[in-house]
Amino acid sequence: MRYGVAPDHEKITSLQGNLRTVLEDPRGTFLGHVRVGDPGLSPRQSRELYHAVVPDWEGLLDAARARP
């Protein structure tokens, strides 16, 4: 969940509930910290292996901003 948003906000609470439902479904798998690109899994490979891929560009941007 995004930092800095009040957890008591109605839309955030709804989003958290929906995300929990998806992540707890035994038909799905969550894989975090997967590197896409060189080195790592190519975008083509990820499309061939998985039904859906949801990239987290914000995490990548946060890491880039933290570098000196």
N, C-alpha and C. Protein backbone atom coordinates (compact mmCIF):
# COMPACT_ATOMS: atom_id res chain seq x y z
N MET A 1 0.84 -1.16 0.00
CA MET A 1 0.00 0.00 0.00
C MET A 1 0.89 1.23 0.00
N ARG A 2 0.40 2.27 -0.59
CA ARG A 2 1.15 3.51 -0.70
C ARG A 2 1.27 4.18 0.68
N TYR A 3 2.47 4.66 0.97
CA TYR A 3 2.68 5.36 2.23
C TYR A 3 2.11 6.76 2.15
N GLY A 4 1.74 7.29 3.30
CA GLY A 4 1.30 8.67 3.36
C GLY A 4 -0.19 8.86 3.15
N VAL A 5 -0.94 7.77 3.00
CA VAL A 5 -2.38 7.86 2.84
C VAL A 5 -3.02 7.31 4.10
N ALA A 6 -3.95 8.06 4.66
CA ALA A 6 -4.58 7.64 5.90
C ALA A 6 -5.28 6.29 5.73
N PRO A 7 -4.95 5.30 6.58
CA PRO A 7 -5.55 3.98 6.45
C PRO A 7 -7.05 3.96 6.75
N ASP A 8 -7.57 5.01 7.37
CA ASP A 8 -9.00 5.05 7.66
C ASP A 8 -9.80 5.65 6.50
N HIS A 9 -9.12 6.04 5.44
CA HIS A 9 -9.81 6.57 4.27
C HIS A 9 -10.61 5.45 3.62
N GLU A 10 -11.85 5.70 3.28
CA GLU A 10 -12.76 4.66 2.79
C GLU A 10 -12.23 3.93 1.56
N LYS A 11 -11.69 4.65 0.61
CA LYS A 11 -11.20 4.01 -0.62
C LYS A 11 -9.98 3.13 -0.34
N ILE A 12 -9.11 3.57 0.56
CA ILE A 12 -7.92 2.79 0.89
C ILE A 12 -8.33 1.51 1.62
N THR A 13 -9.26 1.61 2.53
CA THR A 13 -9.75 0.44 3.25
C THR A 13 -10.34 -0.57 2.27
N SER A 14 -11.10 -0.10 1.31
CA SER A 14 -11.69 -0.97 0.30
C SER A 14 -10.61 -1.62 -0.55
N LEU A 15 -9.62 -0.84 -0.95
CA LEU A 15 -8.52 -1.36 -1.76
C LEU A 15 -7.74 -2.42 -1.00
N GLN A 16 -7.48 -2.17 0.28
CA GLN A 16 -6.76 -3.15 1.09
C GLN A 16 -7.52 -4.46 1.19
N GLY A 17 -8.84 -4.37 1.35
CA GLY A 17 -9.67 -5.58 1.41
C GLY A 17 -9.64 -6.35 0.10
N ASN A 18 -9.74 -5.63 -1.01
CA ASN A 18 -9.71 -6.28 -2.32
C ASN A 18 -8.36 -6.92 -2.59
N LEU A 19 -7.28 -6.24 -2.23
CA LEU A 19 -5.94 -6.78 -2.42
C LEU A 19 -5.75 -8.04 -1.58
N ARG A 20 -6.22 -8.01 -0.35
CA ARG A 20 -6.12 -9.17 0.53
C ARG A 20 -6.86 -10.36 -0.08
N THR A 21 -8.04 -10.13 -0.64
CA THR A 21 -8.81 -11.20 -1.27
C THR A 21 -8.04 -11.82 -2.43
N VAL A 22 -7.44 -10.99 -3.25
CA VAL A 22 -6.67 -11.49 -4.40
C VAL A 22 -5.45 -12.26 -3.94
N LEU A 23 -4.70 -11.71 -2.98
CA LEU A 23 -3.47 -12.35 -2.54
C LEU A 23 -3.70 -13.64 -1.77
N GLU A 24 -4.86 -13.78 -1.14
CA GLU A 24 -5.16 -15.00 -0.39
C GLU A 24 -5.79 -16.09 -1.24
N ASP A 25 -6.11 -15.79 -2.48
CA ASP A 25 -6.71 -16.78 -3.38
C ASP A 25 -5.65 -17.81 -3.76
N PRO A 26 -5.93 -19.11 -3.54
CA PRO A 26 -4.94 -20.15 -3.83
C PRO A 26 -4.61 -20.30 -5.31
N ARG A 27 -5.41 -19.70 -6.18
CA ARG A 27 -5.14 -19.80 -7.62
C ARG A 27 -4.04 -18.85 -8.08
N GLY A 28 -3.65 -17.95 -7.23
CA GLY A 28 -2.66 -16.95 -7.63
C GLY A 28 -1.38 -17.08 -6.82
N THR A 29 -0.34 -16.47 -7.33
CA THR A 29 0.95 -16.47 -6.66
C THR A 29 1.53 -15.06 -6.72
N PHE A 30 2.03 -14.60 -5.61
CA PHE A 30 2.69 -13.32 -5.57
C PHE A 30 4.19 -13.56 -5.58
N LEU A 31 4.88 -12.93 -6.51
CA LEU A 31 6.34 -13.00 -6.56
C LEU A 31 6.86 -11.58 -6.46
N GLY A 32 7.55 -11.29 -5.39
CA GLY A 32 8.08 -9.95 -5.21
C GLY A 32 9.57 -9.90 -5.47
N HIS A 33 10.06 -8.72 -5.72
CA HIS A 33 11.49 -8.48 -5.94
C HIS A 33 12.03 -9.29 -7.11
N VAL A 34 11.25 -9.39 -8.18
CA VAL A 34 11.69 -10.08 -9.38
C VAL A 34 12.28 -9.04 -10.32
N ARG A 35 13.50 -9.26 -10.72
CA ARG A 35 14.15 -8.31 -11.62
C ARG A 35 13.78 -8.65 -13.06
N VAL A 36 13.28 -7.66 -13.77
CA VAL A 36 12.94 -7.83 -15.18
C VAL A 36 13.94 -7.02 -15.98
N GLY A 37 14.56 -7.65 -16.92
CA GLY A 37 15.57 -6.97 -17.73
C GLY A 37 16.89 -7.70 -17.61
N ASP A 38 17.96 -6.99 -17.88
CA ASP A 38 19.28 -7.61 -17.91
C ASP A 38 20.05 -7.24 -16.66
N PRO A 39 20.46 -8.12 -15.77
CA PRO A 39 20.17 -9.54 -15.80
C PRO A 39 18.82 -9.80 -15.15
N GLY A 40 18.22 -10.87 -15.50
CA GLY A 40 16.93 -11.23 -14.92
C GLY A 40 16.00 -11.80 -15.95
N LEU A 41 14.75 -11.81 -15.62
CA LEU A 41 13.69 -12.33 -16.48
C LEU A 41 13.38 -11.31 -17.57
N SER A 42 13.36 -11.72 -18.82
CA SER A 42 13.06 -10.77 -19.88
C SER A 42 11.55 -10.49 -19.91
N PRO A 43 11.13 -9.34 -20.41
CA PRO A 43 9.70 -9.07 -20.52
C PRO A 43 8.98 -10.16 -21.33
N ARG A 44 9.60 -10.66 -22.38
CA ARG A 44 8.99 -11.72 -23.19
C ARG A 44 8.80 -12.99 -22.34
N GLN A 45 9.81 -13.37 -21.56
CA GLN A 45 9.69 -14.55 -20.72
C GLN A 45 8.57 -14.38 -19.70
N SER A 46 8.46 -13.20 -19.11
CA SER A 46 7.42 -12.99 -18.11
C SER A 46 6.03 -13.13 -18.73
N ARG A 47 5.85 -12.66 -19.95
CA ARG A 47 4.56 -12.80 -20.63
C ARG A 47 4.26 -14.26 -20.97
N GLU A 48 5.30 -15.03 -21.28
CA GLU A 48 5.10 -16.44 -21.62
C GLU A 48 4.80 -17.28 -20.37
N LEU A 49 5.34 -16.89 -19.23
CA LEU A 49 5.22 -17.69 -18.01
C LEU A 49 4.00 -17.37 -17.15
N TYR A 50 3.50 -16.13 -17.24
CA TYR A 50 2.46 -15.69 -16.31
C TYR A 50 1.27 -15.09 -17.04
N HIS A 51 0.09 -15.25 -16.43
CA HIS A 51 -1.14 -14.67 -16.96
C HIS A 51 -1.12 -13.14 -16.88
N ALA A 52 -0.63 -12.66 -15.75
CA ALA A 52 -0.61 -11.21 -15.52
C ALA A 52 0.69 -10.84 -14.82
N VAL A 53 1.23 -9.73 -15.21
CA VAL A 53 2.43 -9.19 -14.58
C VAL A 53 2.12 -7.74 -14.24
N VAL A 54 2.29 -7.39 -12.98
CA VAL A 54 2.01 -6.03 -12.53
C VAL A 54 3.33 -5.42 -12.07
N PRO A 55 3.92 -4.57 -12.89
CA PRO A 55 5.20 -3.97 -12.49
C PRO A 55 5.01 -2.89 -11.44
N ASP A 56 6.01 -2.74 -10.59
CA ASP A 56 6.01 -1.70 -9.56
C ASP A 56 7.11 -0.72 -9.89
N TRP A 57 6.78 0.25 -10.73
CA TRP A 57 7.78 1.24 -11.11
C TRP A 57 8.09 2.18 -9.97
N GLU A 58 7.14 2.41 -9.09
CA GLU A 58 7.37 3.33 -7.97
C GLU A 58 8.50 2.82 -7.08
N GLY A 59 8.54 1.52 -6.83
CA GLY A 59 9.63 0.96 -6.04
C GLY A 59 10.97 1.17 -6.70
N LEU A 60 11.00 1.02 -8.00
CA LEU A 60 12.23 1.23 -8.76
C LEU A 60 12.66 2.70 -8.68
N LEU A 61 11.70 3.59 -8.80
CA LEU A 61 12.00 5.02 -8.71
C LEU A 61 12.48 5.39 -7.32
N ASP A 62 11.86 4.80 -6.28
CA ASP A 62 12.30 5.08 -4.91
C ASP A 62 13.75 4.65 -4.71
N ALA A 63 14.10 3.48 -5.24
CA ALA A 63 15.47 2.99 -5.11
C ALA A 63 16.45 3.90 -5.83
N ALA A 64 16.08 4.38 -7.00
CA ALA A 64 16.95 5.27 -7.77
C ALA A 64 17.15 6.61 -7.05
N ARG A 65 16.11 7.10 -6.41
CA ARG A 65 16.21 8.37 -5.69
C ARG A 65 17.10 8.25 -4.46
N ALA A 66 17.20 7.07 -3.89
CA ALA A 66 17.98 6.88 -2.67
C ALA A 66 19.48 6.79 -2.95
N ARG A 67 19.85 6.63 -4.20
CA ARG A 67 21.27 6.52 -4.53
C ARG A 67 21.94 7.89 -4.45
N PRO A 68 23.19 7.91 -3.99
CA PRO A 68 23.92 9.19 -3.91
C PRO A 68 24.28 9.74 -5.26
